[in-house]
C-alpha atoms as a PDB file:
ATOM      1  CA  UNK A   1     118.394  36.318  67.266  1.00  0.00           C
ATOM      2  CA  UNK A   2     119.521  38.455  70.148  1.00  0.00           C
ATOM      3  CA  UNK A   3     123.560  38.316  70.852  1.00  0.00           C
ATOM      4  CA  UNK A   4     126.596  39.248  71.099  1.00  0.00           C
ATOM      5  CA  UNK A   5     128.941  40.637  68.170  1.00  0.00           C
ATOM      6  CA  UNK A   6     131.860  37.847  68.583  1.00  0.00           C
ATOM      7  CA  UNK A   7     134.986  38.486  67.213  1.00  0.00           C
ATOM      8  CA  UNK A   8     137.572  36.269  66.848  1.00  0.00           C
ATOM      9  CA  UNK A   9     141.528  37.223  67.522  1.00  0.00           C
ATOM     10  CA  UNK A  10     144.014  34.151  67.371  1.00  0.00           C
ATOM     11  CA  UNK A  11     147.715  33.950  66.372  1.00  0.00           C
ATOM     12  CA  UNK A  12     148.763  31.281  64.316  1.00  0.00           C
ATOM     13  CA  UNK A  13     151.311  29.892  61.527  1.00  0.00           C
ATOM     14  CA  UNK A  14     151.221  30.758  58.325  1.00  0.00           C
ATOM     15  CA  UNK A  15     149.687  26.948  58.240  1.00  0.00           C
ATOM     16  CA  UNK A  16     147.132  27.829  60.685  1.00  0.00           C
ATOM     17  CA  UNK A  17     148.557  26.114  63.274  1.00  0.00           C
ATOM     18  CA  UNK A  18     147.739  27.590  66.265  1.00  0.00           C
ATOM     19  CA  UNK A  19     150.164  26.222  69.278  1.00  0.00           C
ATOM     20  CA  UNK A  20     153.314  24.266  69.371  1.00  0.00           C
ATOM     21  CA  UNK A  21     151.827  20.561  70.281  1.00  0.00           C
ATOM     22  CA  UNK A  22     148.822  18.331  70.331  1.00  0.00           C
ATOM     23  CA  UNK A  23     146.772  19.184  73.854  1.00  0.00           C
ATOM     24  CA  UNK A  24     148.808  22.424  74.652  1.00  0.00           C
ATOM     25  CA  UNK A  25     146.951  25.034  76.343  1.00  0.00           C
ATOM     26  CA  UNK A  26     148.223  28.585  76.849  1.00  0.00           C
ATOM     27  CA  UNK A  27     150.204  27.928  79.907  1.00  0.00           C
ATOM     28  CA  UNK A  28     152.751  26.117  77.383  1.00  0.00           C
ATOM     29  CA  UNK A  29     153.469  29.373  76.744  1.00  0.00           C
ATOM     30  CA  UNK A  30     155.142  30.234  79.929  1.00  0.00           C
ATOM     31  CA  UNK A  31     156.701  26.770  80.618  1.00  0.00           C
ATOM     32  CA  UNK A  32     158.422  26.884  76.998  1.00  0.00           C
ATOM     33  CA  UNK A  33     159.824  30.495  75.633  1.00  0.00           C
ATOM     34  CA  UNK A  34     162.134  29.582  73.702  1.00  0.00           C
ATOM     35  CA  UNK A  35     159.519  27.494  71.603  1.00  0.00           C
ATOM     36  CA  UNK A  36     156.733  29.333  71.860  1.00  0.00           C
ATOM     37  CA  UNK A  37     158.936  32.513  71.375  1.00  0.00           C
ATOM     38  CA  UNK A  38     158.967  31.303  67.779  1.00  0.00           C
ATOM     39  CA  UNK A  39     154.882  31.931  67.449  1.00  0.00           C
ATOM     40  CA  UNK A  40     155.189  35.523  69.055  1.00  0.00           C
ATOM     41  CA  UNK A  41     156.333  36.589  71.619  1.00  0.00           C
ATOM     42  CA  UNK A  42     154.666  38.190  74.616  1.00  0.00           C
ATOM     43  CA  UNK A  43     155.270  41.765  73.694  1.00  0.00           C
ATOM     44  CA  UNK A  44     153.709  40.807  70.690  1.00  0.00           C
ATOM     45  CA  UNK A  45     150.692  39.265  71.737  1.00  0.00           C
ATOM     46  CA  UNK A  46     150.347  42.552  74.065  1.00  0.00           C
ATOM     47  CA  UNK A  47     150.200  44.909  71.577  1.00  0.00           C
ATOM     48  CA  UNK A  48     147.995  42.683  69.132  1.00  0.00           C
ATOM     49  CA  UNK A  49     145.313  42.597  72.417  1.00  0.00           C
ATOM     50  CA  UNK A  50     145.214  45.811  73.162  1.00  0.00           C
ATOM     51  CA  UNK A  51     145.139  46.506  69.396  1.00  0.00           C
ATOM     52  CA  UNK A  52     142.064  44.579  69.671  1.00  0.00           C
ATOM     53  CA  UNK A  53     140.273  45.699  72.873  1.00  0.00           C
ATOM     54  CA  UNK A  54     140.850  49.071  71.472  1.00  0.00           C
ATOM     55  CA  UNK A  55     139.292  48.645  68.662  1.00  0.00           C
ATOM     56  CA  UNK A  56     136.103  46.653  69.409  1.00  0.00           C
ATOM     57  CA  UNK A  57     136.234  47.746  72.843  1.00  0.00           C
ATOM     58  CA  UNK A  58     134.416  43.899  74.279  1.00  0.00           C
ATOM     59  CA  UNK A  59     132.563  43.891  77.405  1.00  0.00           C
ATOM     60  CA  UNK A  60     133.138  39.776  77.182  1.00  0.00           C
ATOM     61  CA  UNK A  61     136.633  37.802  76.698  1.00  0.00           C
ATOM     62  CA  UNK A  62     135.083  34.150  76.148  1.00  0.00           C
ATOM     63  CA  UNK A  63     137.653  31.392  75.754  1.00  0.00           C
ATOM     64  CA  UNK A  64     137.329  27.429  75.429  1.00  0.00           C
ATOM     65  CA  UNK A  65     138.320  24.826  78.195  1.00  0.00           C
ATOM     66  CA  UNK A  66     140.855  23.613  76.300  1.00  0.00           C
ATOM     67  CA  UNK A  67     142.732  26.867  76.506  1.00  0.00           C
ATOM     68  CA  UNK A  68     143.080  25.919  80.523  1.00  0.00           C
ATOM     69  CA  UNK A  69     143.356  22.201  80.736  1.00  0.00           C
ATOM     70  CA  UNK A  70     144.330  19.543  78.637  1.00  0.00           C
ATOM     71  CA  UNK A  71     142.124  16.566  77.338  1.00  0.00           C
ATOM     72  CA  UNK A  72     144.633  14.172  79.097  1.00  0.00           C
ATOM     73  CA  UNK A  73     144.829  16.023  82.421  1.00  0.00           C
ATOM     74  CA  UNK A  74     143.672  14.709  85.718  1.00  0.00           C
ATOM     75  CA  UNK A  75     140.899  16.366  87.241  1.00  0.00           C
ATOM     76  CA  UNK A  76     141.101  18.103  90.303  1.00  0.00           C
ATOM     77  CA  UNK A  77     138.980  15.334  92.388  1.00  0.00           C
ATOM     78  CA  UNK A  78     136.101  17.183  94.122  1.00  0.00           C
ATOM     79  CA  UNK A  79     133.634  16.247  97.619  1.00  0.00           C
ATOM     80  CA  UNK A  80     131.183  14.500  96.661  1.00  0.00           C
ATOM     81  CA  UNK A  81     127.582  16.467  96.252  1.00  0.00           C
ATOM     82  CA  UNK A  82     125.314  15.294  99.306  1.00  0.00           C
ATOM     83  CA  UNK A  83     121.528  16.633  99.165  1.00  0.00           C
ATOM     84  CA  UNK A  84     118.634  17.565  96.369  1.00  0.00           C
ATOM     85  CA  UNK A  85     120.839  18.514  93.209  1.00  0.00           C
ATOM     86  CA  UNK A  86     117.926  20.044  91.363  1.00  0.00           C
ATOM     87  CA  UNK A  87     118.663  23.066  93.018  1.00  0.00           C
ATOM     88  CA  UNK A  88     122.694  23.783  91.240  1.00  0.00           C
ATOM     89  CA  UNK A  89     120.832  23.422  88.162  1.00  0.00           C
ATOM     90  CA  UNK A  90     120.077  26.926  88.018  1.00  0.00           C
ATOM     91  CA  UNK A  91     121.665  29.874  86.652  1.00  0.00           C
ATOM     92  CA  UNK A  92     123.525  31.437  88.688  1.00  0.00           C
ATOM     93  CA  UNK A  93     124.773  35.125  89.398  1.00  0.00           C
ATOM     94  CA  UNK A  94     125.231  36.487  92.409  1.00  0.00           C
ATOM     95  CA  UNK A  95     123.806  39.958  93.195  1.00  0.00           C
ATOM     96  CA  UNK A  96     127.519  41.266  94.341  1.00  0.00           C
ATOM     97  CA  UNK A  97     129.283  39.842  90.969  1.00  0.00           C
ATOM     98  CA  UNK A  98     126.874  41.559  89.120  1.00  0.00           C
ATOM     99  CA  UNK A  99     127.004  45.744  90.647  1.00  0.00           C
ATOM    100  CA  UNK A 100     130.547  44.800  91.767  1.00  0.00           C
ATOM    101  CA  UNK A 101     131.579  49.088  91.841  1.00  0.00           C
ATOM    102  CA  UNK A 102     134.578  48.958  89.145  1.00  0.00           C
ATOM    103  CA  UNK A 103     133.699  45.395  87.169  1.00  0.00           C
ATOM    104  CA  UNK A 104     133.555  46.526  83.691  1.00  0.00           C
ATOM    105  CA  UNK A 105     133.910  43.634  81.764  1.00  0.00           C
ATOM    106  CA  UNK A 106     133.565  39.860  82.427  1.00  0.00           C
ATOM    107  CA  UNK A 107     135.777  37.217  81.747  1.00  0.00           C
ATOM    108  CA  UNK A 108     134.027  33.547  80.541  1.00  0.00           C
ATOM    109  CA  UNK A 109     135.200  29.988  80.082  1.00  0.00           C
ATOM    110  CA  UNK A 110     133.141  27.693  78.042  1.00  0.00           C
ATOM    111  CA  UNK A 111     133.155  24.062  80.411  1.00  0.00           C
ATOM    112  CA  UNK A 112     130.541  21.985  79.468  1.00  0.00           C
ATOM    113  CA  UNK A 113     131.226  19.060  81.870  1.00  0.00           C
ATOM    114  CA  UNK A 114     132.735  20.850  84.494  1.00  0.00           C
ATOM    115  CA  UNK A 115     136.973  20.250  83.711  1.00  0.00           C
ATOM    116  CA  UNK A 116     138.630  23.040  84.787  1.00  0.00           C
ATOM    117  CA  UNK A 117     138.299  23.166  88.622  1.00  0.00           C
ATOM    118  CA  UNK A 118     140.744  25.692  90.454  1.00  0.00           C
ATOM    119  CA  UNK A 119     138.689  28.251  91.198  1.00  0.00           C
ATOM    120  CA  UNK A 120     139.860  31.128  89.223  1.00  0.00           C
ATOM    121  CA  UNK A 121     137.537  34.308  89.426  1.00  0.00           C
ATOM    122  CA  UNK A 122     139.981  36.424  86.756  1.00  0.00           C
ATOM    123  CA  UNK A 123     139.455  39.154  89.022  1.00  0.00           C
ATOM    124  CA  UNK A 124     142.559  38.431  90.883  1.00  0.00           C
ATOM    125  CA  UNK A 125     144.508  39.272  87.763  1.00  0.00           C
ATOM    126  CA  UNK A 126     141.640  42.202  86.405  1.00  0.00           C
ATOM    127  CA  UNK A 127     140.074  44.094  89.159  1.00  0.00           C
ATOM    128  CA  UNK A 128     137.531  45.514  86.289  1.00  0.00           C
ATOM    129  CA  UNK A 129     136.963  41.868  85.036  1.00  0.00           C
ATOM    130  CA  UNK A 130     134.796  38.860  86.831  1.00  0.00           C
ATOM    131  CA  UNK A 131     134.866  35.222  85.594  1.00  0.00           C
ATOM    132  CA  UNK A 132     131.372  33.478  84.750  1.00  0.00           C
ATOM    133  CA  UNK A 133     131.444  29.791  84.077  1.00  0.00           C
ATOM    134  CA  UNK A 134     129.235  28.262  80.976  1.00  0.00           C
ATOM    135  CA  UNK A 135     128.409  24.959  81.705  1.00  0.00           C
ATOM    136  CA  UNK A 136     125.564  22.231  80.663  1.00  0.00           C
ATOM    137  CA  UNK A 137     122.417  20.801  82.059  1.00  0.00           C
ATOM    138  CA  UNK A 138     125.087  17.683  82.408  1.00  0.00           C
ATOM    139  CA  UNK A 139     127.677  19.272  84.420  1.00  0.00           C
ATOM    140  CA  UNK A 140     128.633  17.284  87.287  1.00  0.00           C
ATOM    141  CA  UNK A 141     126.576  18.139  90.458  1.00  0.00           C
ATOM    142  CA  UNK A 142     130.269  18.548  92.733  1.00  0.00           C
ATOM    143  CA  UNK A 143     131.442  20.658  90.207  1.00  0.00           C
ATOM    144  CA  UNK A 144     128.427  23.552  90.033  1.00  0.00           C
ATOM    145  CA  UNK A 145     128.681  22.931  93.953  1.00  0.00           C
ATOM    146  CA  UNK A 146     132.361  23.958  93.946  1.00  0.00           C
ATOM    147  CA  UNK A 147     131.510  27.164  91.942  1.00  0.00           C
ATOM    148  CA  UNK A 148     128.469  28.070  94.342  1.00  0.00           C
ATOM    149  CA  UNK A 149     131.331  27.603  97.070  1.00  0.00           C
ATOM    150  CA  UNK A 150     133.370  29.843  95.436  1.00  0.00           C
ATOM    151  CA  UNK A 151     131.401  32.177  94.888  1.00  0.00           C
ATOM    152  CA  UNK A 152     131.796  32.049  91.391  1.00  0.00           C
ATOM    153  CA  UNK A 153     128.944  32.887  88.250  1.00  0.00           C
ATOM    154  CA  UNK A 154     127.758  30.282  86.342  1.00  0.00           C
ATOM    155  CA  UNK A 155     124.912  29.676  83.565  1.00  0.00           C
ATOM    156  CA  UNK A 156     124.005  26.668  81.654  1.00  0.00           C
ATOM    157  CA  UNK A 157     122.740  25.303  78.373  1.00  0.00           C
ATOM    158  CA  UNK A 158     122.683  22.512  76.981  1.00  0.00           C
ATOM    159  CA  UNK A 159     123.000  18.922  77.587  1.00  0.00           C
ATOM    160  CA  UNK A 160     127.054  17.496  77.341  1.00  0.00           C
ATOM    161  CA  UNK A 161     127.837  20.455  75.211  1.00  0.00           C
ATOM    162  CA  UNK A 162     126.882  24.056  75.549  1.00  0.00           C
ATOM    163  CA  UNK A 163     124.506  24.893  73.380  1.00  0.00           C
ATOM    164  CA  UNK A 164     126.075  28.023  71.883  1.00  0.00           C
ATOM    165  CA  UNK A 165     122.915  29.731  70.431  1.00  0.00           C
ATOM    166  CA  UNK A 166     120.953  29.572  73.243  1.00  0.00           C
ATOM    167  CA  UNK A 167     124.364  30.483  75.496  1.00  0.00           C
ATOM    168  CA  UNK A 168     124.763  33.657  73.756  1.00  0.00           C
ATOM    169  CA  UNK A 169     120.899  35.471  73.899  1.00  0.00           C
ATOM    170  CA  UNK A 170     121.406  34.250  77.358  1.00  0.00           C
ATOM    171  CA  UNK A 171     124.344  36.323  77.725  1.00  0.00           C
ATOM    172  CA  UNK A 172     123.209  39.303  75.907  1.00  0.00           C
ATOM    173  CA  UNK A 173     119.853  39.154  78.140  1.00  0.00           C
ATOM    174  CA  UNK A 174     121.095  38.365  81.218  1.00  0.00           C
ATOM    175  CA  UNK A 175     124.773  40.382  81.306  1.00  0.00           C
ATOM    176  CA  UNK A 176     123.981  42.786  78.835  1.00  0.00           C
ATOM    177  CA  UNK A 177     127.144  42.067  76.511  1.00  0.00           C
ATOM    178  CA  UNK A 178     127.742  43.502  73.415  1.00  0.00           C
ATOM    179  CA  UNK A 179     130.122  41.943  72.345  1.00  0.00           C
ATOM    180  CA  UNK A 180     132.856  38.914  73.174  1.00  0.00           C
ATOM    181  CA  UNK A 181     136.333  38.913  72.073  1.00  0.00           C
ATOM    182  CA  UNK A 182     137.974  35.087  71.698  1.00  0.00           C
ATOM    183  CA  UNK A 183     141.284  34.390  71.594  1.00  0.00           C
ATOM    184  CA  UNK A 184     139.902  30.310  70.964  1.00  0.00           C
ATOM    185  CA  UNK A 185     140.987  29.079  67.699  1.00  0.00           C
ATOM    186  CA  UNK A 186     140.107  25.444  67.230  1.00  0.00           C
ATOM    187  CA  UNK A 187     137.201  23.577  68.328  1.00  0.00           C
ATOM    188  CA  UNK A 188     135.572  27.022  69.873  1.00  0.00           C
ATOM    189  CA  UNK A 189     136.210  28.878  66.791  1.00  0.00           C
ATOM    190  CA  UNK A 190     135.349  25.511  65.009  1.00  0.00           C
ATOM    191  CA  UNK A 191     131.818  25.858  66.479  1.00  0.00           C
ATOM    192  CA  UNK A 192     131.195  29.351  66.626  1.00  0.00           C
ATOM    193  CA  UNK A 193     131.653  29.257  62.468  1.00  0.00           C
ATOM    194  CA  UNK A 194     129.826  26.785  62.173  1.00  0.00           C
ATOM    195  CA  UNK A 195     126.722  28.163  64.272  1.00  0.00           C
ATOM    196  CA  UNK A 196     127.489  31.390  62.249  1.00  0.00           C
ATOM    197  CA  UNK A 197     127.479  33.096  65.224  1.00  0.00           C
ATOM    198  CA  UNK A 198     131.588  34.806  64.474  1.00  0.00           C
ATOM    199  CA  UNK A 199     131.072  38.098  62.932  1.00  0.00           C
ATOM    200  CA  UNK A 200     134.706  38.617  62.408  1.00  0.00           C
ATOM    201  CA  UNK A 201     138.032  37.200  62.466  1.00  0.00           C
ATOM    202  CA  UNK A 202     141.868  38.577  63.066  1.00  0.00           C
ATOM    203  CA  UNK A 203     144.581  36.622  62.837  1.00  0.00           C
ATOM    204  CA  UNK A 204     147.828  37.420  63.784  1.00  0.00           C
ATOM    205  CA  UNK A 205     149.769  35.590  61.095  1.00  0.00           C
ATOM    206  CA  UNK A 206     154.111  34.738  61.837  1.00  0.00           C
ATOM    207  CA  UNK A 207     156.039  33.366  59.198  1.00  0.00           C
ATOM    208  CA  UNK A 208     156.527  29.830  60.759  1.00  0.00           C
ATOM    209  CA  UNK A 209     155.379  26.404  58.911  1.00  0.00           C
ATOM    210  CA  UNK A 210     155.368  24.220  62.044  1.00  0.00           C
ATOM    211  CA  UNK A 211     153.438  20.694  59.889  1.00  0.00           C
ATOM    212  CA  UNK A 212     151.983  18.009  61.802  1.00  0.00           C
ATOM    213  CA  UNK A 213     148.760  16.159  61.667  1.00  0.00           C
ATOM    214  CA  UNK A 214     147.481  16.568  65.643  1.00  0.00           C
ATOM    215  CA  UNK A 215     148.303  20.311  65.792  1.00  0.00           C
ATOM    216  CA  UNK A 216     145.271  22.063  66.327  1.00  0.00           C
ATOM    217  CA  UNK A 217     144.413  24.395  63.464  1.00  0.00           C
ATOM    218  CA  UNK A 218     142.613  27.553  63.453  1.00  0.00           C
ATOM    219  CA  UNK A 219     138.898  25.918  63.294  1.00  0.00           C
ATOM    220  CA  UNK A 220     138.540  22.380  64.178  1.00  0.00           C
ATOM    221  CA  UNK A 221     135.060  22.138  62.815  1.00  0.00           C
ATOM    222  CA  UNK A 222     132.634  19.231  61.027  1.00  0.00           C
ATOM    223  CA  UNK A 223     133.744  18.586  57.298  1.00  0.00           C
ATOM    224  CA  UNK A 224     131.648  20.953  55.057  1.00  0.00           C
ATOM    225  CA  UNK A 225     128.735  18.794  53.257  1.00  0.00           C
ATOM    226  CA  UNK A 226     127.110  19.756  50.645  1.00  0.00           C
ATOM    227  CA  UNK A 227     124.262  21.501  50.523  1.00  0.00           C
ATOM    228  CA  UNK A 228     123.578  21.011  54.787  1.00  0.00           C
ATOM    229  CA  UNK A 229     127.249  22.650  56.169  1.00  0.00           C
ATOM    230  CA  UNK A 230     128.937  25.048  53.556  1.00  0.00           C
ATOM    231  CA  UNK A 231     132.247  27.294  54.285  1.00  0.00           C
ATOM    232  CA  UNK A 232     132.295  29.931  55.543  1.00  0.00           C
ATOM    233  CA  UNK A 233     132.545  33.041  53.013  1.00  0.00           C
ATOM    234  CA  UNK A 234     134.219  36.498  54.187  1.00  0.00           C
ATOM    235  CA  UNK A 235     135.402  39.849  52.650  1.00  0.00           C
ATOM    236  CA  UNK A 236     138.484  41.535  53.772  1.00  0.00           C
ATOM    237  CA  UNK A 237     138.005  44.486  55.943  1.00  0.00           C
ATOM    238  CA  UNK A 238     142.218  44.998  56.604  1.00  0.00           C
ATOM    239  CA  UNK A 239     145.947  44.022  56.570  1.00  0.00           C
ATOM    240  CA  UNK A 240     148.924  45.618  58.137  1.00  0.00           C
ATOM    241  CA  UNK A 241     151.924  44.675  57.764  1.00  0.00           C
ATOM    242  CA  UNK A 242     153.470  44.456  61.463  1.00  0.00           C
ATOM    243  CA  UNK A 243     157.312  43.856  62.126  1.00  0.00           C
ATOM    244  CA  UNK A 244     159.054  40.995  62.339  1.00  0.00           C
ATOM    245  CA  UNK A 245     157.462  39.924  59.212  1.00  0.00           C
ATOM    246  CA  UNK A 246     153.548  39.360  60.420  1.00  0.00           C
ATOM    247  CA  UNK A 247     150.670  40.099  59.123  1.00  0.00           C
ATOM    248  CA  UNK A 248     147.645  41.079  60.770  1.00  0.00           C
ATOM    249  CA  UNK A 249     144.615  40.404  58.383  1.00  0.00           C
ATOM    250  CA  UNK A 250     141.069  41.462  59.915  1.00  0.00           C
ATOM    251  CA  UNK A 251     137.556  39.877  58.137  1.00  0.00           C
ATOM    252  CA  UNK A 252     134.123  40.365  58.062  1.00  0.00           C
ATOM    253  CA  UNK A 253     132.609  36.475  58.036  1.00  0.00           C
ATOM    254  CA  UNK A 254     129.551  37.017  56.112  1.00  0.00           C
ATOM    255  CA  UNK A 255     126.418  35.212  57.460  1.00  0.00           C
ATOM    256  CA  UNK A 256     123.950  34.446  54.717  1.00  0.00           C
ATOM    257  CA  UNK A 257     124.001  30.668  54.650  1.00  0.00           C
END
């Protein structure tokens, strides 16, 4: 398969929890710093992220929609699309974005249902990157029209859910992406590893046990089922002991099933 290398880097508790609550998003850490600092401070995460970037030099950063909008969030109402929607269901990759001077990477979001609707382009925070939204042929037309009105690139693969193997092939061929780094544990990392699309795993383990029955874990994926769905085997590449009793474990995924 002609696809980019995919790297996971994620912070977790010893019992594999990746957040402090059900339906939490990345913004909760800013709203409840006293609680989330138990999982590591912003400084801790910044240092980990910097090390990942230096190690792998990714040219795309990928997140799942659950990182930015909870399943129970009220969606922003968009105007109904008037006209022939078929024109919307083609990949939208404006040349001025593809060839924008200074852009070195992509920031991408898997959003098959078109739920994240704030028009974020990532360039406002980092001029070296730009958003590209990864969605499906069943995304609402008003959502795709909204992205086009904001000149936000998007690509479409799959129905209902993004077809990850085909989308990654498209990311490689159309955007020339060589290495993807994702910090989305939970459902996205579970889908990637179950599809044999993940190559390396970096876990920053924090000296913390969170517990709970509904709090997201590192890999949310279908139950193992012999012989069609097997556990993913790993090989340890590196282990580092960091300050404040944290461990950085780096694994290679053995995609030989």
